Amino acid sequence: VQLVESGGGLVQAGGSLRLSCAASGSTFSISIMGWYRQAPGKQRELVAGITTGGGSTNYADSVKGRFTISRDKTENTMYLQMNRLKPEDTAVYYCYAERGGRFPRHDYWGQGTQVTVSS
């Protein structure tokens, strides 16, 4: 499975961005997808996740009500709509996919896309 992110950039506080993650390869084996982020000097943290079967979602408390994760099954693309961005949202955002279920467990990562929110 290959993951390619796009959509990062520089935005002012209060603005919006939409990240995309295009998945290719053996996407039928993926059970969970999500977005993580890592700010300078901090650990990588989960931002949002979505199951590929039922579409259940979960969010970090810090982004609830502002970010929305979604997935287009036909395009094998996952999105993260980020609204009301704050300077503390500045980080490298990584697309994540987990192979699971009846397949051997394996994690896949994208190369990351920079999001910078100016105050």
C-alpha atoms as a PDB file:
ATOM      1  CA  VAL A   1       0.000   0.000   0.000  1.00  0.00           C
ATOM      2  CA  GLN A   2       1.290   3.433  -0.925  1.00  0.00           C
ATOM      3  CA  LEU A   3      -0.001   6.645   0.627  1.00  0.00           C
ATOM      4  CA  VAL A   4       0.508  10.103  -0.861  1.00  0.00           C
ATOM      5  CA  GLU A   5      -0.607  13.220   0.995  1.00  0.00           C
ATOM      6  CA  SER A   6      -1.328  16.620  -0.476  1.00  0.00           C
ATOM      7  CA  GLY A   7      -2.999  19.858   0.529  1.00  0.00           C
ATOM      8  CA  GLY A   8      -0.715  21.248   3.199  1.00  0.00           C
ATOM      9  CA  GLY A   9       0.423  24.837   3.236  1.00  0.00           C
ATOM     10  CA  LEU A  10       0.465  28.136   5.066  1.00  0.00           C
ATOM     11  CA  VAL A  11      -2.762  29.621   6.374  1.00  0.00           C
ATOM     12  CA  GLN A  12      -3.725  32.322   8.818  1.00  0.00           C
ATOM     13  CA  ALA A  13      -5.342  31.486  12.125  1.00  0.00           C
ATOM     14  CA  GLY A  14      -9.053  30.956  11.663  1.00  0.00           C
ATOM     15  CA  GLY A  15      -8.599  29.712   8.116  1.00  0.00           C
ATOM     16  CA  SER A  16      -9.190  26.315   6.560  1.00  0.00           C
ATOM     17  CA  LEU A  17      -7.248  23.659   4.716  1.00  0.00           C
ATOM     18  CA  ARG A  18      -8.161  20.271   3.299  1.00  0.00           C
ATOM     19  CA  LEU A  19      -5.626  17.476   3.283  1.00  0.00           C
ATOM     20  CA  SER A  20      -5.912  14.530   0.930  1.00  0.00           C
ATOM     21  CA  CYS A  21      -4.374  11.078   1.129  1.00  0.00           C
ATOM     22  CA  ALA A  22      -4.453   8.938  -2.002  1.00  0.00           C
ATOM     23  CA  ALA A  23      -4.010   5.227  -1.356  1.00  0.00           C
ATOM     24  CA  SER A  24      -2.902   2.709  -3.958  1.00  0.00           C
ATOM     25  CA  GLY A  25      -1.896  -0.926  -4.032  1.00  0.00           C
ATOM     26  CA  SER A  26      -3.614  -3.566  -1.876  1.00  0.00           C
ATOM     27  CA  THR A  27      -6.120  -1.170  -0.386  1.00  0.00           C
ATOM     28  CA  PHE A  28      -8.640  -3.990   0.135  1.00  0.00           C
ATOM     29  CA  SER A  29      -6.511  -5.129   3.103  1.00  0.00           C
ATOM     30  CA  ILE A  30      -6.783  -1.812   4.952  1.00  0.00           C
ATOM     31  CA  SER A  31      -9.109  -1.740   7.976  1.00  0.00           C
ATOM     32  CA  ILE A  32      -8.320   1.644   9.495  1.00  0.00           C
ATOM     33  CA  MET A  33      -7.020   4.932   8.096  1.00  0.00           C
ATOM     34  CA  GLY A  34      -6.180   8.117   9.870  1.00  0.00           C
ATOM     35  CA  TRP A  35      -4.178  11.276  10.237  1.00  0.00           C
ATOM     36  CA  TYR A  36      -1.354  11.854  12.677  1.00  0.00           C
ATOM     37  CA  ARG A  37       0.663  14.991  13.211  1.00  0.00           C
ATOM     38  CA  GLN A  38       4.023  15.844  14.679  1.00  0.00           C
ATOM     39  CA  ALA A  39       5.051  19.308  15.783  1.00  0.00           C
ATOM     40  CA  PRO A  40       8.709  20.242  16.337  1.00  0.00           C
ATOM     41  CA  GLY A  41       9.981  18.795  19.590  1.00  0.00           C
ATOM     42  CA  LYS A  42       6.800  16.812  20.206  1.00  0.00           C
ATOM     43  CA  GLN A  43       5.704  13.235  19.775  1.00  0.00           C
ATOM     44  CA  ARG A  44       3.566  12.166  16.866  1.00  0.00           C
ATOM     45  CA  GLU A  45      -0.093  12.201  17.888  1.00  0.00           C
ATOM     46  CA  LEU A  46      -3.324  10.873  16.457  1.00  0.00           C
ATOM     47  CA  VAL A  47      -5.542  13.576  14.995  1.00  0.00           C
ATOM     48  CA  ALA A  48      -8.416  11.541  13.557  1.00  0.00           C
ATOM     49  CA  GLY A  49      -9.201   8.016  12.413  1.00  0.00           C
ATOM     50  CA  ILE A  50     -11.805   6.274  10.295  1.00  0.00           C
ATOM     51  CA  THR A  51     -12.664   2.609   9.753  1.00  0.00           C
ATOM     52  CA  THR A  52     -12.845   1.493   6.151  1.00  0.00           C
ATOM     53  CA  GLY A  53     -15.766  -0.814   6.778  1.00  0.00           C
ATOM     54  CA  GLY A  54     -18.381   1.068   8.730  1.00  0.00           C
ATOM     55  CA  GLY A  55     -16.881   4.537   8.476  1.00  0.00           C
ATOM     56  CA  SER A  56     -16.693   5.033  12.240  1.00  0.00           C
ATOM     57  CA  THR A  57     -14.613   8.045  13.187  1.00  0.00           C
ATOM     58  CA  ASN A  58     -12.711   9.297  16.198  1.00  0.00           C
ATOM     59  CA  TYR A  59     -10.940  12.551  16.919  1.00  0.00           C
ATOM     60  CA  ALA A  60      -8.391  13.993  19.278  1.00  0.00           C
ATOM     61  CA  ASP A  61     -10.065  16.283  21.802  1.00  0.00           C
ATOM     62  CA  SER A  62      -8.016  19.206  20.524  1.00  0.00           C
ATOM     63  CA  VAL A  63      -9.599  19.050  17.051  1.00  0.00           C
ATOM     64  CA  LYS A  64     -13.171  17.943  17.792  1.00  0.00           C
ATOM     65  CA  GLY A  65     -15.675  20.280  16.221  1.00  0.00           C
ATOM     66  CA  ARG A  66     -13.048  21.805  13.918  1.00  0.00           C
ATOM     67  CA  PHE A  67     -11.683  18.888  11.854  1.00  0.00           C
ATOM     68  CA  THR A  68     -13.617  16.332   9.844  1.00  0.00           C
ATOM     69  CA  ILE A  69     -12.195  13.089   8.483  1.00  0.00           C
ATOM     70  CA  SER A  70     -13.832  11.401   5.515  1.00  0.00           C
ATOM     71  CA  ARG A  71     -13.101   8.809   2.877  1.00  0.00           C
ATOM     72  CA  ASP A  72     -14.096   8.350  -0.743  1.00  0.00           C
ATOM     73  CA  LYS A  73     -14.126   4.603  -1.300  1.00  0.00           C
ATOM     74  CA  THR A  74     -14.383   4.836  -5.069  1.00  0.00           C
ATOM     75  CA  GLU A  75     -11.309   7.050  -5.286  1.00  0.00           C
ATOM     76  CA  ASN A  76      -9.406   5.338  -2.449  1.00  0.00           C
ATOM     77  CA  THR A  77      -8.807   8.781  -1.027  1.00  0.00           C
ATOM     78  CA  MET A  78      -9.080  10.026   2.533  1.00  0.00           C
ATOM     79  CA  TYR A  79      -9.574  13.653   3.489  1.00  0.00           C
ATOM     80  CA  LEU A  80      -9.085  15.845   6.520  1.00  0.00           C
ATOM     81  CA  GLN A  81     -11.063  19.059   6.428  1.00  0.00           C
ATOM     82  CA  MET A  82      -9.513  21.460   8.909  1.00  0.00           C
ATOM     83  CA  ASN A  83     -11.489  24.548   9.884  1.00  0.00           C
ATOM     84  CA  ARG A  84     -10.858  27.319  12.423  1.00  0.00           C
ATOM     85  CA  LEU A  85      -7.178  26.494  12.379  1.00  0.00           C
ATOM     86  CA  LYS A  86      -5.009  27.584  15.279  1.00  0.00           C
ATOM     87  CA  PRO A  87      -1.244  28.193  15.486  1.00  0.00           C
ATOM     88  CA  GLU A  88      -0.987  25.101  17.673  1.00  0.00           C
ATOM     89  CA  ASP A  89      -2.209  23.023  14.732  1.00  0.00           C
ATOM     90  CA  THR A  90       1.112  23.703  13.028  1.00  0.00           C
ATOM     91  CA  ALA A  91       2.795  20.362  12.356  1.00  0.00           C
ATOM     92  CA  VAL A  92       3.710  17.827   9.741  1.00  0.00           C
ATOM     93  CA  TYR A  93       0.598  15.783   9.039  1.00  0.00           C
ATOM     94  CA  TYR A  94       0.956  12.130   8.143  1.00  0.00           C
ATOM     95  CA  CYS A  95      -1.528   9.821   6.501  1.00  0.00           C
ATOM     96  CA  TYR A  96      -1.736   6.408   8.148  1.00  0.00           C
ATOM     97  CA  ALA A  97      -3.244   3.096   7.131  1.00  0.00           C
ATOM     98  CA  GLU A  98      -3.473  -0.123   9.100  1.00  0.00           C
ATOM     99  CA  ARG A  99      -3.679  -3.533   7.487  1.00  0.00           C
ATOM    100  CA  GLY A 100      -5.639  -5.826   9.728  1.00  0.00           C
ATOM    101  CA  GLY A 101      -8.651  -8.056  10.053  1.00  0.00           C
ATOM    102  CA  ARG A 102      -7.871 -11.350   8.368  1.00  0.00           C
ATOM    103  CA  PHE A 103      -4.584  -9.965   6.984  1.00  0.00           C
ATOM    104  CA  PRO A 104      -1.292  -9.797   8.903  1.00  0.00           C
ATOM    105  CA  ARG A 105      -1.058  -6.576  10.862  1.00  0.00           C
ATOM    106  CA  HIS A 106       1.043  -3.878   9.205  1.00  0.00           C
ATOM    107  CA  ASP A 107       1.200  -0.091   9.381  1.00  0.00           C
ATOM    108  CA  TYR A 108       1.707   2.185   6.395  1.00  0.00           C
ATOM    109  CA  TRP A 109       2.698   5.860   6.440  1.00  0.00           C
ATOM    110  CA  GLY A 110       2.733   8.663   3.928  1.00  0.00           C
ATOM    111  CA  GLN A 111       5.638  11.049   3.529  1.00  0.00           C
ATOM    112  CA  GLY A 112       3.941  13.865   5.416  1.00  0.00           C
ATOM    113  CA  THR A 113       2.711  17.305   4.464  1.00  0.00           C
ATOM    114  CA  GLN A 114       3.512  20.525   6.319  1.00  0.00           C
ATOM    115  CA  VAL A 115       0.713  22.617   7.765  1.00  0.00           C
ATOM    116  CA  THR A 116       1.681  26.013   9.124  1.00  0.00           C
ATOM    117  CA  VAL A 117      -0.829  28.284  10.827  1.00  0.00           C
ATOM    118  CA  SER A 118       0.265  31.860  11.397  1.00  0.00           C
ATOM    119  CA  SER A 119      -1.129  34.005  14.179  1.00  0.00           C
END
